[in-house]
């Protein structure tokens, strides 16, 4: 299963992935040695290991303590294999976040418990919906910084659910956690006796992420236009609803201009049909 971590700046996205990799010993000895060295040089957690550095691979990311590019990591449990994309939270790198979301089956949207729902939280949620992702984990992070206060958690969940009600998500699972301390990441945590739901990894292992259903109409949000020469123009993106075939009549929005699909490509292969959830290149001829 492919999933992304997204949300606003400093909400703990890289720390969450790094904590999962470190606690499950999903790193090699040389990576651990480098982590210890980088934590001394770039770390912000005092004597603690800066597990976020396991994900932030660019030199500029380590020096500035931010995520710039999309970082992909692989790990597995007894039930599933995962590819996770850690995406940047800064507004100027939103296009990188959209790239990471384009191939994801599920999104973990992190919110800092001290700050609540922010503009970038809403922006990333809309992009997640636009990319056709229907399953979301609302991870209210840094609960340790607010004393694991259930009232804080409930208020954030209520606000986010009210905002996300119109985005078309099939499921939103709220989880209180502390990525830094590991609370509710791998296992249920004693500091949250008021929370009766699963840990993050228990939920990821159990959630059923089915392909998006076929619908009468089709939607393809265009992510970029591929024009390698004057005789060719391809409109690339992930199909959010329905399916697309060569010869299909389509309408370009917001202009309303009608056209027809000349060919459909998925990667380097021409295909007869592309279904919702597939990320490929749909080439329209008009």
C-alpha atoms as a PDB file:
ATOM      1  CA  UNK A   1       0.000   0.000   0.000  1.00  0.00           C
ATOM      2  CA  UNK A   2       1.204   3.477  -0.852  1.00  0.00           C
ATOM      3  CA  UNK A   3       0.509   6.320   1.552  1.00  0.00           C
ATOM      4  CA  UNK A   4       1.708   9.849   2.168  1.00  0.00           C
ATOM      5  CA  UNK A   5       2.283  12.002   5.214  1.00  0.00           C
ATOM      6  CA  UNK A   6       1.182  15.587   4.746  1.00  0.00           C
ATOM      7  CA  UNK A   7       0.120  18.645   6.695  1.00  0.00           C
ATOM      8  CA  UNK A   8       1.517  21.995   7.724  1.00  0.00           C
ATOM      9  CA  UNK A   9       5.093  22.950   8.549  1.00  0.00           C
ATOM     10  CA  UNK A  10       6.634  21.270  11.617  1.00  0.00           C
ATOM     11  CA  UNK A  11       3.619  19.064  12.314  1.00  0.00           C
ATOM     12  CA  UNK A  12       5.950  16.056  12.650  1.00  0.00           C
ATOM     13  CA  UNK A  13       5.665  14.261   9.306  1.00  0.00           C
ATOM     14  CA  UNK A  14       9.311  13.207   8.980  1.00  0.00           C
ATOM     15  CA  UNK A  15       9.519  12.399  12.687  1.00  0.00           C
ATOM     16  CA  UNK A  16       6.539  10.058  12.383  1.00  0.00           C
ATOM     17  CA  UNK A  17       8.095   8.049   9.553  1.00  0.00           C
ATOM     18  CA  UNK A  18      11.513   8.076  11.188  1.00  0.00           C
ATOM     19  CA  UNK A  19      10.001   6.834  14.462  1.00  0.00           C
ATOM     20  CA  UNK A  20       8.300   3.952  12.640  1.00  0.00           C
ATOM     21  CA  UNK A  21      11.535   2.945  10.878  1.00  0.00           C
ATOM     22  CA  UNK A  22      13.653   3.249  14.021  1.00  0.00           C
ATOM     23  CA  UNK A  23      11.322   1.448  16.435  1.00  0.00           C
ATOM     24  CA  UNK A  24      10.894  -1.466  14.031  1.00  0.00           C
ATOM     25  CA  UNK A  25      14.645  -1.592  13.384  1.00  0.00           C
ATOM     26  CA  UNK A  26      13.998  -1.103   9.682  1.00  0.00           C
ATOM     27  CA  UNK A  27      17.391   0.556   9.201  1.00  0.00           C
ATOM     28  CA  UNK A  28      20.878  -0.805   8.590  1.00  0.00           C
ATOM     29  CA  UNK A  29      23.866  -0.407  10.890  1.00  0.00           C
ATOM     30  CA  UNK A  30      25.463   2.206   8.631  1.00  0.00           C
ATOM     31  CA  UNK A  31      22.199   4.195   8.616  1.00  0.00           C
ATOM     32  CA  UNK A  32      22.101   4.081  12.413  1.00  0.00           C
ATOM     33  CA  UNK A  33      25.704   5.274  12.609  1.00  0.00           C
ATOM     34  CA  UNK A  34      24.928   8.125  10.237  1.00  0.00           C
ATOM     35  CA  UNK A  35      21.799   8.993  12.232  1.00  0.00           C
ATOM     36  CA  UNK A  36      23.838   9.241  15.431  1.00  0.00           C
ATOM     37  CA  UNK A  37      26.395  11.437  13.684  1.00  0.00           C
ATOM     38  CA  UNK A  38      23.791  13.670  12.024  1.00  0.00           C
ATOM     39  CA  UNK A  39      21.824  13.986  15.266  1.00  0.00           C
ATOM     40  CA  UNK A  40      24.872  15.479  16.936  1.00  0.00           C
ATOM     41  CA  UNK A  41      25.423  17.872  14.037  1.00  0.00           C
ATOM     42  CA  UNK A  42      21.890  18.800  12.949  1.00  0.00           C
ATOM     43  CA  UNK A  43      19.577  17.427  15.632  1.00  0.00           C
ATOM     44  CA  UNK A  44      17.108  19.589  17.540  1.00  0.00           C
ATOM     45  CA  UNK A  45      16.219  17.089  20.281  1.00  0.00           C
ATOM     46  CA  UNK A  46      19.227  17.484  22.569  1.00  0.00           C
ATOM     47  CA  UNK A  47      20.671  14.081  23.443  1.00  0.00           C
ATOM     48  CA  UNK A  48      17.892  12.246  21.603  1.00  0.00           C
ATOM     49  CA  UNK A  49      18.310  10.782  18.157  1.00  0.00           C
ATOM     50  CA  UNK A  50      16.722  13.012  15.524  1.00  0.00           C
ATOM     51  CA  UNK A  51      14.720  10.261  13.833  1.00  0.00           C
ATOM     52  CA  UNK A  52      13.365  12.736  11.257  1.00  0.00           C
ATOM     53  CA  UNK A  53      16.866  12.750   9.759  1.00  0.00           C
ATOM     54  CA  UNK A  54      16.243   9.186   8.565  1.00  0.00           C
ATOM     55  CA  UNK A  55      13.881  10.692   6.007  1.00  0.00           C
ATOM     56  CA  UNK A  56      15.376  14.103   5.229  1.00  0.00           C
ATOM     57  CA  UNK A  57      18.064  13.066   2.764  1.00  0.00           C
ATOM     58  CA  UNK A  58      19.029  16.347   1.104  1.00  0.00           C
ATOM     59  CA  UNK A  59      21.873  18.302   2.663  1.00  0.00           C
ATOM     60  CA  UNK A  60      19.735  21.452   2.658  1.00  0.00           C
ATOM     61  CA  UNK A  61      16.963  19.582   4.482  1.00  0.00           C
ATOM     62  CA  UNK A  62      19.332  18.461   7.209  1.00  0.00           C
ATOM     63  CA  UNK A  63      20.900  21.881   7.610  1.00  0.00           C
ATOM     64  CA  UNK A  64      17.580  23.776   7.657  1.00  0.00           C
ATOM     65  CA  UNK A  65      15.563  21.147   9.512  1.00  0.00           C
ATOM     66  CA  UNK A  66      12.807  21.123   6.872  1.00  0.00           C
ATOM     67  CA  UNK A  67      11.513  18.811   4.164  1.00  0.00           C
ATOM     68  CA  UNK A  68      11.889  20.107   0.602  1.00  0.00           C
ATOM     69  CA  UNK A  69      11.607  17.137  -1.738  1.00  0.00           C
ATOM     70  CA  UNK A  70       9.382  14.050  -1.555  1.00  0.00           C
ATOM     71  CA  UNK A  71      11.189  11.223   0.262  1.00  0.00           C
ATOM     72  CA  UNK A  72      10.081   7.642  -0.392  1.00  0.00           C
ATOM     73  CA  UNK A  73      10.723   4.860   2.110  1.00  0.00           C
ATOM     74  CA  UNK A  74       9.823   1.173   2.050  1.00  0.00           C
ATOM     75  CA  UNK A  75       8.911  -1.010   5.010  1.00  0.00           C
ATOM     76  CA  UNK A  76       6.847  -4.117   5.674  1.00  0.00           C
ATOM     77  CA  UNK A  77       4.808  -5.721   8.441  1.00  0.00           C
ATOM     78  CA  UNK A  78       3.510  -9.265   8.725  1.00  0.00           C
ATOM     79  CA  UNK A  79       0.364  -8.176   6.895  1.00  0.00           C
ATOM     80  CA  UNK A  80       1.450  -5.606   4.310  1.00  0.00           C
ATOM     81  CA  UNK A  81       4.240  -4.002   2.369  1.00  0.00           C
ATOM     82  CA  UNK A  82       4.298  -0.210   2.329  1.00  0.00           C
ATOM     83  CA  UNK A  83       5.762   2.613   0.307  1.00  0.00           C
ATOM     84  CA  UNK A  84       5.463   5.901   2.173  1.00  0.00           C
ATOM     85  CA  UNK A  85       6.034   9.342   0.686  1.00  0.00           C
ATOM     86  CA  UNK A  86       7.070  12.036   3.159  1.00  0.00           C
ATOM     87  CA  UNK A  87       5.965  15.345   1.650  1.00  0.00           C
ATOM     88  CA  UNK A  88       6.978  18.925   2.511  1.00  0.00           C
ATOM     89  CA  UNK A  89       4.717  21.207   4.526  1.00  0.00           C
ATOM     90  CA  UNK A  90       5.969  24.589   3.335  1.00  0.00           C
ATOM     91  CA  UNK A  91       3.635  26.416   0.971  1.00  0.00           C
ATOM     92  CA  UNK A  92       6.341  26.994  -1.658  1.00  0.00           C
ATOM     93  CA  UNK A  93       6.832  23.226  -1.998  1.00  0.00           C
ATOM     94  CA  UNK A  94       3.136  22.382  -2.398  1.00  0.00           C
ATOM     95  CA  UNK A  95       3.726  21.054  -5.918  1.00  0.00           C
ATOM     96  CA  UNK A  96       6.073  18.435  -4.443  1.00  0.00           C
ATOM     97  CA  UNK A  97       3.324  17.388  -2.041  1.00  0.00           C
ATOM     98  CA  UNK A  98       0.919  16.984  -4.973  1.00  0.00           C
ATOM     99  CA  UNK A  99       3.450  14.764  -6.730  1.00  0.00           C
ATOM    100  CA  UNK A 100       3.652  12.501  -3.689  1.00  0.00           C
ATOM    101  CA  UNK A 101      -0.141  12.351  -3.430  1.00  0.00           C
ATOM    102  CA  UNK A 102      -0.587  11.397  -7.077  1.00  0.00           C
ATOM    103  CA  UNK A 103       0.247   7.719  -6.500  1.00  0.00           C
ATOM    104  CA  UNK A 104      -1.022   7.260  -2.927  1.00  0.00           C
ATOM    105  CA  UNK A 105      -3.847   5.011  -1.726  1.00  0.00           C
ATOM    106  CA  UNK A 106      -4.158   6.699   1.678  1.00  0.00           C
ATOM    107  CA  UNK A 107      -3.095   9.953   3.301  1.00  0.00           C
ATOM    108  CA  UNK A 108      -1.959  10.617   6.855  1.00  0.00           C
ATOM    109  CA  UNK A 109      -2.743  14.267   7.563  1.00  0.00           C
ATOM    110  CA  UNK A 110      -0.818  15.457  10.602  1.00  0.00           C
ATOM    111  CA  UNK A 111      -1.949  18.301  12.828  1.00  0.00           C
ATOM    112  CA  UNK A 112       0.100  19.817  15.641  1.00  0.00           C
ATOM    113  CA  UNK A 113      -2.100  19.557  18.748  1.00  0.00           C
ATOM    114  CA  UNK A 114      -0.820  22.958  19.909  1.00  0.00           C
ATOM    115  CA  UNK A 115      -1.779  24.747  16.677  1.00  0.00           C
ATOM    116  CA  UNK A 116      -4.886  22.970  15.408  1.00  0.00           C
ATOM    117  CA  UNK A 117      -6.192  23.047  11.835  1.00  0.00           C
ATOM    118  CA  UNK A 118      -4.156  25.493   9.720  1.00  0.00           C
ATOM    119  CA  UNK A 119      -4.354  26.860   6.175  1.00  0.00           C
ATOM    120  CA  UNK A 120      -1.842  24.325   4.875  1.00  0.00           C
ATOM    121  CA  UNK A 121      -3.812  21.537   6.559  1.00  0.00           C
ATOM    122  CA  UNK A 122      -6.839  22.527   4.503  1.00  0.00           C
ATOM    123  CA  UNK A 123      -4.808  23.002   1.333  1.00  0.00           C
ATOM    124  CA  UNK A 124      -3.198  19.566   1.580  1.00  0.00           C
ATOM    125  CA  UNK A 125      -6.573  17.979   2.346  1.00  0.00           C
ATOM    126  CA  UNK A 126      -8.079  19.480  -0.795  1.00  0.00           C
ATOM    127  CA  UNK A 127      -5.164  18.222  -2.881  1.00  0.00           C
ATOM    128  CA  UNK A 128      -5.559  14.759  -1.355  1.00  0.00           C
ATOM    129  CA  UNK A 129      -9.233  14.774  -2.358  1.00  0.00           C
ATOM    130  CA  UNK A 130      -8.448  16.107  -5.829  1.00  0.00           C
ATOM    131  CA  UNK A 131      -5.975  13.273  -6.386  1.00  0.00           C
ATOM    132  CA  UNK A 132      -8.692  10.737  -5.689  1.00  0.00           C
ATOM    133  CA  UNK A 133      -7.446   9.538  -2.295  1.00  0.00           C
ATOM    134  CA  UNK A 134     -10.493   8.394  -0.343  1.00  0.00           C
ATOM    135  CA  UNK A 135      -9.017   7.147   2.940  1.00  0.00           C
ATOM    136  CA  UNK A 136      -7.494   9.584   5.439  1.00  0.00           C
ATOM    137  CA  UNK A 137      -5.878   9.240   8.849  1.00  0.00           C
ATOM    138  CA  UNK A 138      -6.233  12.406  10.924  1.00  0.00           C
ATOM    139  CA  UNK A 139      -3.120  12.145  13.090  1.00  0.00           C
ATOM    140  CA  UNK A 140      -3.252  14.715  15.889  1.00  0.00           C
ATOM    141  CA  UNK A 141       0.447  14.813  16.745  1.00  0.00           C
ATOM    142  CA  UNK A 142       2.431  16.232  19.664  1.00  0.00           C
ATOM    143  CA  UNK A 143      -0.252  15.238  22.155  1.00  0.00           C
ATOM    144  CA  UNK A 144       2.519  15.040  24.756  1.00  0.00           C
ATOM    145  CA  UNK A 145       2.939  18.822  24.401  1.00  0.00           C
ATOM    146  CA  UNK A 146      -0.668  19.376  25.554  1.00  0.00           C
ATOM    147  CA  UNK A 147      -0.598  16.801  28.335  1.00  0.00           C
ATOM    148  CA  UNK A 148      -2.566  14.245  26.291  1.00  0.00           C
ATOM    149  CA  UNK A 149      -5.660  16.375  26.846  1.00  0.00           C
ATOM    150  CA  UNK A 150      -8.714  14.632  25.366  1.00  0.00           C
ATOM    151  CA  UNK A 151     -10.579  17.943  25.050  1.00  0.00           C
ATOM    152  CA  UNK A 152      -7.868  19.353  22.763  1.00  0.00           C
ATOM    153  CA  UNK A 153      -8.008  16.241  20.599  1.00  0.00           C
ATOM    154  CA  UNK A 154     -11.805  16.277  20.384  1.00  0.00           C
ATOM    155  CA  UNK A 155     -11.907  19.962  19.413  1.00  0.00           C
ATOM    156  CA  UNK A 156      -9.429  19.440  16.561  1.00  0.00           C
ATOM    157  CA  UNK A 157     -11.283  16.372  15.303  1.00  0.00           C
ATOM    158  CA  UNK A 158     -14.607  18.239  15.337  1.00  0.00           C
ATOM    159  CA  UNK A 159     -13.178  21.203  13.422  1.00  0.00           C
ATOM    160  CA  UNK A 160     -11.439  19.038  10.833  1.00  0.00           C
ATOM    161  CA  UNK A 161     -14.432  16.790  10.214  1.00  0.00           C
ATOM    162  CA  UNK A 162     -16.656  19.829   9.663  1.00  0.00           C
ATOM    163  CA  UNK A 163     -14.187  21.131   7.083  1.00  0.00           C
ATOM    164  CA  UNK A 164     -13.634  17.759   5.361  1.00  0.00           C
ATOM    165  CA  UNK A 165     -17.310  16.813   5.157  1.00  0.00           C
ATOM    166  CA  UNK A 166     -17.547  18.075   1.581  1.00  0.00           C
ATOM    167  CA  UNK A 167     -14.308  16.555   0.275  1.00  0.00           C
ATOM    168  CA  UNK A 168     -15.727  13.120  -0.458  1.00  0.00           C
ATOM    169  CA  UNK A 169     -13.506  10.975   1.753  1.00  0.00           C
ATOM    170  CA  UNK A 170     -14.761   7.432   2.275  1.00  0.00           C
ATOM    171  CA  UNK A 171     -13.211   7.251   5.747  1.00  0.00           C
ATOM    172  CA  UNK A 172     -11.442   9.524   8.225  1.00  0.00           C
ATOM    173  CA  UNK A 173      -9.771   7.768  11.173  1.00  0.00           C
ATOM    174  CA  UNK A 174      -8.650  10.109  13.958  1.00  0.00           C
ATOM    175  CA  UNK A 175      -5.682   9.023  16.103  1.00  0.00           C
ATOM    176  CA  UNK A 176      -3.987  10.970  18.944  1.00  0.00           C
ATOM    177  CA  UNK A 177      -0.258  10.381  18.939  1.00  0.00           C
ATOM    178  CA  UNK A 178       3.209  11.597  19.751  1.00  0.00           C
ATOM    179  CA  UNK A 179       5.612  10.784  16.936  1.00  0.00           C
ATOM    180  CA  UNK A 180       8.557  11.904  19.062  1.00  0.00           C
ATOM    181  CA  UNK A 181       7.698   9.621  21.988  1.00  0.00           C
ATOM    182  CA  UNK A 182       6.122   6.853  19.907  1.00  0.00           C
ATOM    183  CA  UNK A 183       2.709   7.026  21.593  1.00  0.00           C
ATOM    184  CA  UNK A 184      -0.005   5.274  19.546  1.00  0.00           C
ATOM    185  CA  UNK A 185       2.352   4.812  16.600  1.00  0.00           C
ATOM    186  CA  UNK A 186       3.073   1.082  16.811  1.00  0.00           C
ATOM    187  CA  UNK A 187       0.980   0.214  19.863  1.00  0.00           C
ATOM    188  CA  UNK A 188      -1.778   1.726  21.996  1.00  0.00           C
ATOM    189  CA  UNK A 189      -0.340   4.098  24.565  1.00  0.00           C
ATOM    190  CA  UNK A 190      -1.085   4.304  28.333  1.00  0.00           C
ATOM    191  CA  UNK A 191      -1.199   8.163  28.347  1.00  0.00           C
ATOM    192  CA  UNK A 192      -4.409   8.059  26.251  1.00  0.00           C
ATOM    193  CA  UNK A 193      -6.797   5.782  28.201  1.00  0.00           C
ATOM    194  CA  UNK A 194      -9.693   7.856  26.855  1.00  0.00           C
ATOM    195  CA  UNK A 195      -8.895   6.766  23.284  1.00  0.00           C
ATOM    196  CA  UNK A 196     -10.489   3.449  22.312  1.00  0.00           C
ATOM    197  CA  UNK A 197      -9.330   3.251  18.696  1.00  0.00           C
ATOM    198  CA  UNK A 198      -6.370   1.476  17.071  1.00  0.00           C
ATOM    199  CA  UNK A 199      -2.742   2.529  16.952  1.00  0.00           C
ATOM    200  CA  UNK A 200      -1.569   4.000  13.669  1.00  0.00           C
ATOM    201  CA  UNK A 201       0.132   0.813  12.455  1.00  0.00           C
ATOM    202  CA  UNK A 202      -2.742  -1.402  13.565  1.00  0.00           C
ATOM    203  CA  UNK A 203      -5.077   0.751  11.494  1.00  0.00           C
ATOM    204  CA  UNK A 204      -2.823   0.778   8.429  1.00  0.00           C
ATOM    205  CA  UNK A 205      -2.513  -2.997   8.569  1.00  0.00           C
ATOM    206  CA  UNK A 206      -6.293  -3.439   8.756  1.00  0.00           C
ATOM    207  CA  UNK A 207      -7.799  -0.747   6.520  1.00  0.00           C
ATOM    208  CA  UNK A 208      -9.253  -1.951   3.227  1.00  0.00           C
ATOM    209  CA  UNK A 209      -8.194   0.382   0.444  1.00  0.00           C
ATOM    210  CA  UNK A 210     -10.274  -0.606  -2.556  1.00  0.00           C
ATOM    211  CA  UNK A 211     -10.069   0.857  -6.017  1.00  0.00           C
ATOM    212  CA  UNK A 212     -12.344   3.817  -6.599  1.00  0.00           C
ATOM    213  CA  UNK A 213     -15.724   2.708  -7.992  1.00  0.00           C
ATOM    214  CA  UNK A 214     -16.621   3.203 -11.631  1.00  0.00           C
ATOM    215  CA  UNK A 215     -18.989   6.100 -12.166  1.00  0.00           C
ATOM    216  CA  UNK A 216     -20.954   7.368 -15.104  1.00  0.00           C
ATOM    217  CA  UNK A 217     -18.781  10.464 -15.445  1.00  0.00           C
ATOM    218  CA  UNK A 218     -15.002  10.635 -15.427  1.00  0.00           C
ATOM    219  CA  UNK A 219     -12.674  13.190 -13.892  1.00  0.00           C
ATOM    220  CA  UNK A 220      -8.965  13.676 -14.456  1.00  0.00           C
ATOM    221  CA  UNK A 221      -7.337  16.639 -12.657  1.00  0.00           C
ATOM    222  CA  UNK A 222      -4.506  17.699 -14.963  1.00  0.00           C
ATOM    223  CA  UNK A 223      -1.218  17.787 -13.079  1.00  0.00           C
ATOM    224  CA  UNK A 224       1.007  18.799 -15.968  1.00  0.00           C
ATOM    225  CA  UNK A 225       1.049  19.122 -19.758  1.00  0.00           C
ATOM    226  CA  UNK A 226       3.571  17.009 -21.650  1.00  0.00           C
ATOM    227  CA  UNK A 227       4.540  18.546 -25.001  1.00  0.00           C
ATOM    228  CA  UNK A 228       7.858  17.105 -26.229  1.00  0.00           C
ATOM    229  CA  UNK A 229       7.286  18.413 -29.784  1.00  0.00           C
ATOM    230  CA  UNK A 230       4.822  20.707 -31.640  1.00  0.00           C
ATOM    231  CA  UNK A 231       2.762  17.729 -32.887  1.00  0.00           C
ATOM    232  CA  UNK A 232       2.085  16.159 -29.499  1.00  0.00           C
ATOM    233  CA  UNK A 233       0.284  17.323 -26.396  1.00  0.00           C
ATOM    234  CA  UNK A 234      -0.429  15.035 -23.430  1.00  0.00           C
ATOM    235  CA  UNK A 235      -2.455  15.864 -20.340  1.00  0.00           C
ATOM    236  CA  UNK A 236      -1.082  13.976 -17.372  1.00  0.00           C
ATOM    237  CA  UNK A 237      -2.629  13.136 -14.040  1.00  0.00           C
ATOM    238  CA  UNK A 238      -4.371  10.565 -11.894  1.00  0.00           C
ATOM    239  CA  UNK A 239      -7.933   9.598 -12.833  1.00  0.00           C
ATOM    240  CA  UNK A 240     -10.106  10.585  -9.880  1.00  0.00           C
ATOM    241  CA  UNK A 241     -13.397   9.052 -11.064  1.00  0.00           C
ATOM    242  CA  UNK A 242     -14.599   6.699 -13.765  1.00  0.00           C
ATOM    243  CA  UNK A 243     -12.439   5.495 -16.637  1.00  0.00           C
ATOM    244  CA  UNK A 244     -10.955   6.881 -19.838  1.00  0.00           C
ATOM    245  CA  UNK A 245     -10.699   5.185 -23.243  1.00  0.00           C
ATOM    246  CA  UNK A 246      -9.477   6.316 -26.664  1.00  0.00           C
ATOM    247  CA  UNK A 247     -12.335   8.006 -28.483  1.00  0.00           C
ATOM    248  CA  UNK A 248     -14.118   9.187 -25.328  1.00  0.00           C
ATOM    249  CA  UNK A 249     -15.749  12.595 -25.574  1.00  0.00           C
ATOM    250  CA  UNK A 250     -14.491  14.869 -22.800  1.00  0.00           C
ATOM    251  CA  UNK A 251     -14.977  18.468 -21.734  1.00  0.00           C
ATOM    252  CA  UNK A 252     -12.179  20.713 -20.507  1.00  0.00           C
ATOM    253  CA  UNK A 253     -12.996  22.811 -17.461  1.00  0.00           C
ATOM    254  CA  UNK A 254     -13.441  25.640 -16.656  1.00  0.00           C
ATOM    255  CA  UNK A 255     -13.614  26.687 -20.329  1.00  0.00           C
ATOM    256  CA  UNK A 256     -16.105  23.958 -21.279  1.00  0.00           C
ATOM    257  CA  UNK A 257     -14.279  23.226 -24.554  1.00  0.00           C
ATOM    258  CA  UNK A 258     -15.214  19.754 -25.905  1.00  0.00           C
ATOM    259  CA  UNK A 259     -12.642  17.349 -27.336  1.00  0.00           C
ATOM    260  CA  UNK A 260     -11.900  13.622 -27.659  1.00  0.00           C
ATOM    261  CA  UNK A 261      -9.247  11.361 -26.218  1.00  0.00           C
ATOM    262  CA  UNK A 262      -6.854  10.258 -28.950  1.00  0.00           C
ATOM    263  CA  UNK A 263      -4.813   7.779 -26.900  1.00  0.00           C
ATOM    264  CA  UNK A 264      -4.244   6.719 -23.316  1.00  0.00           C
ATOM    265  CA  UNK A 265      -0.808   6.020 -21.903  1.00  0.00           C
ATOM    266  CA  UNK A 266       0.229   4.572 -18.555  1.00  0.00           C
ATOM    267  CA  UNK A 267       3.914   5.250 -18.143  1.00  0.00           C
ATOM    268  CA  UNK A 268       5.548   4.193 -21.422  1.00  0.00           C
ATOM    269  CA  UNK A 269       2.729   1.846 -22.445  1.00  0.00           C
ATOM    270  CA  UNK A 270      -0.303   2.675 -24.559  1.00  0.00           C
ATOM    271  CA  UNK A 271      -3.400   1.097 -22.982  1.00  0.00           C
ATOM    272  CA  UNK A 272      -6.997   0.521 -24.074  1.00  0.00           C
ATOM    273  CA  UNK A 273      -8.517   1.856 -20.871  1.00  0.00           C
ATOM    274  CA  UNK A 274      -7.388   3.555 -17.653  1.00  0.00           C
ATOM    275  CA  UNK A 275      -9.491   3.348 -14.500  1.00  0.00           C
ATOM    276  CA  UNK A 276      -9.881   5.561 -11.446  1.00  0.00           C
ATOM    277  CA  UNK A 277      -6.869   5.453  -9.160  1.00  0.00           C
ATOM    278  CA  UNK A 278      -4.454   4.821 -12.017  1.00  0.00           C
ATOM    279  CA  UNK A 279      -1.730   7.401 -12.462  1.00  0.00           C
ATOM    280  CA  UNK A 280      -0.798   7.734 -16.100  1.00  0.00           C
ATOM    281  CA  UNK A 281      -0.771  10.030 -19.087  1.00  0.00           C
ATOM    282  CA  UNK A 282      -4.061  10.693 -20.863  1.00  0.00           C
ATOM    283  CA  UNK A 283      -3.513  12.249 -24.228  1.00  0.00           C
ATOM    284  CA  UNK A 284      -6.470  14.216 -25.559  1.00  0.00           C
ATOM    285  CA  UNK A 285      -6.771  15.214 -29.171  1.00  0.00           C
ATOM    286  CA  UNK A 286      -9.040  18.125 -29.987  1.00  0.00           C
END
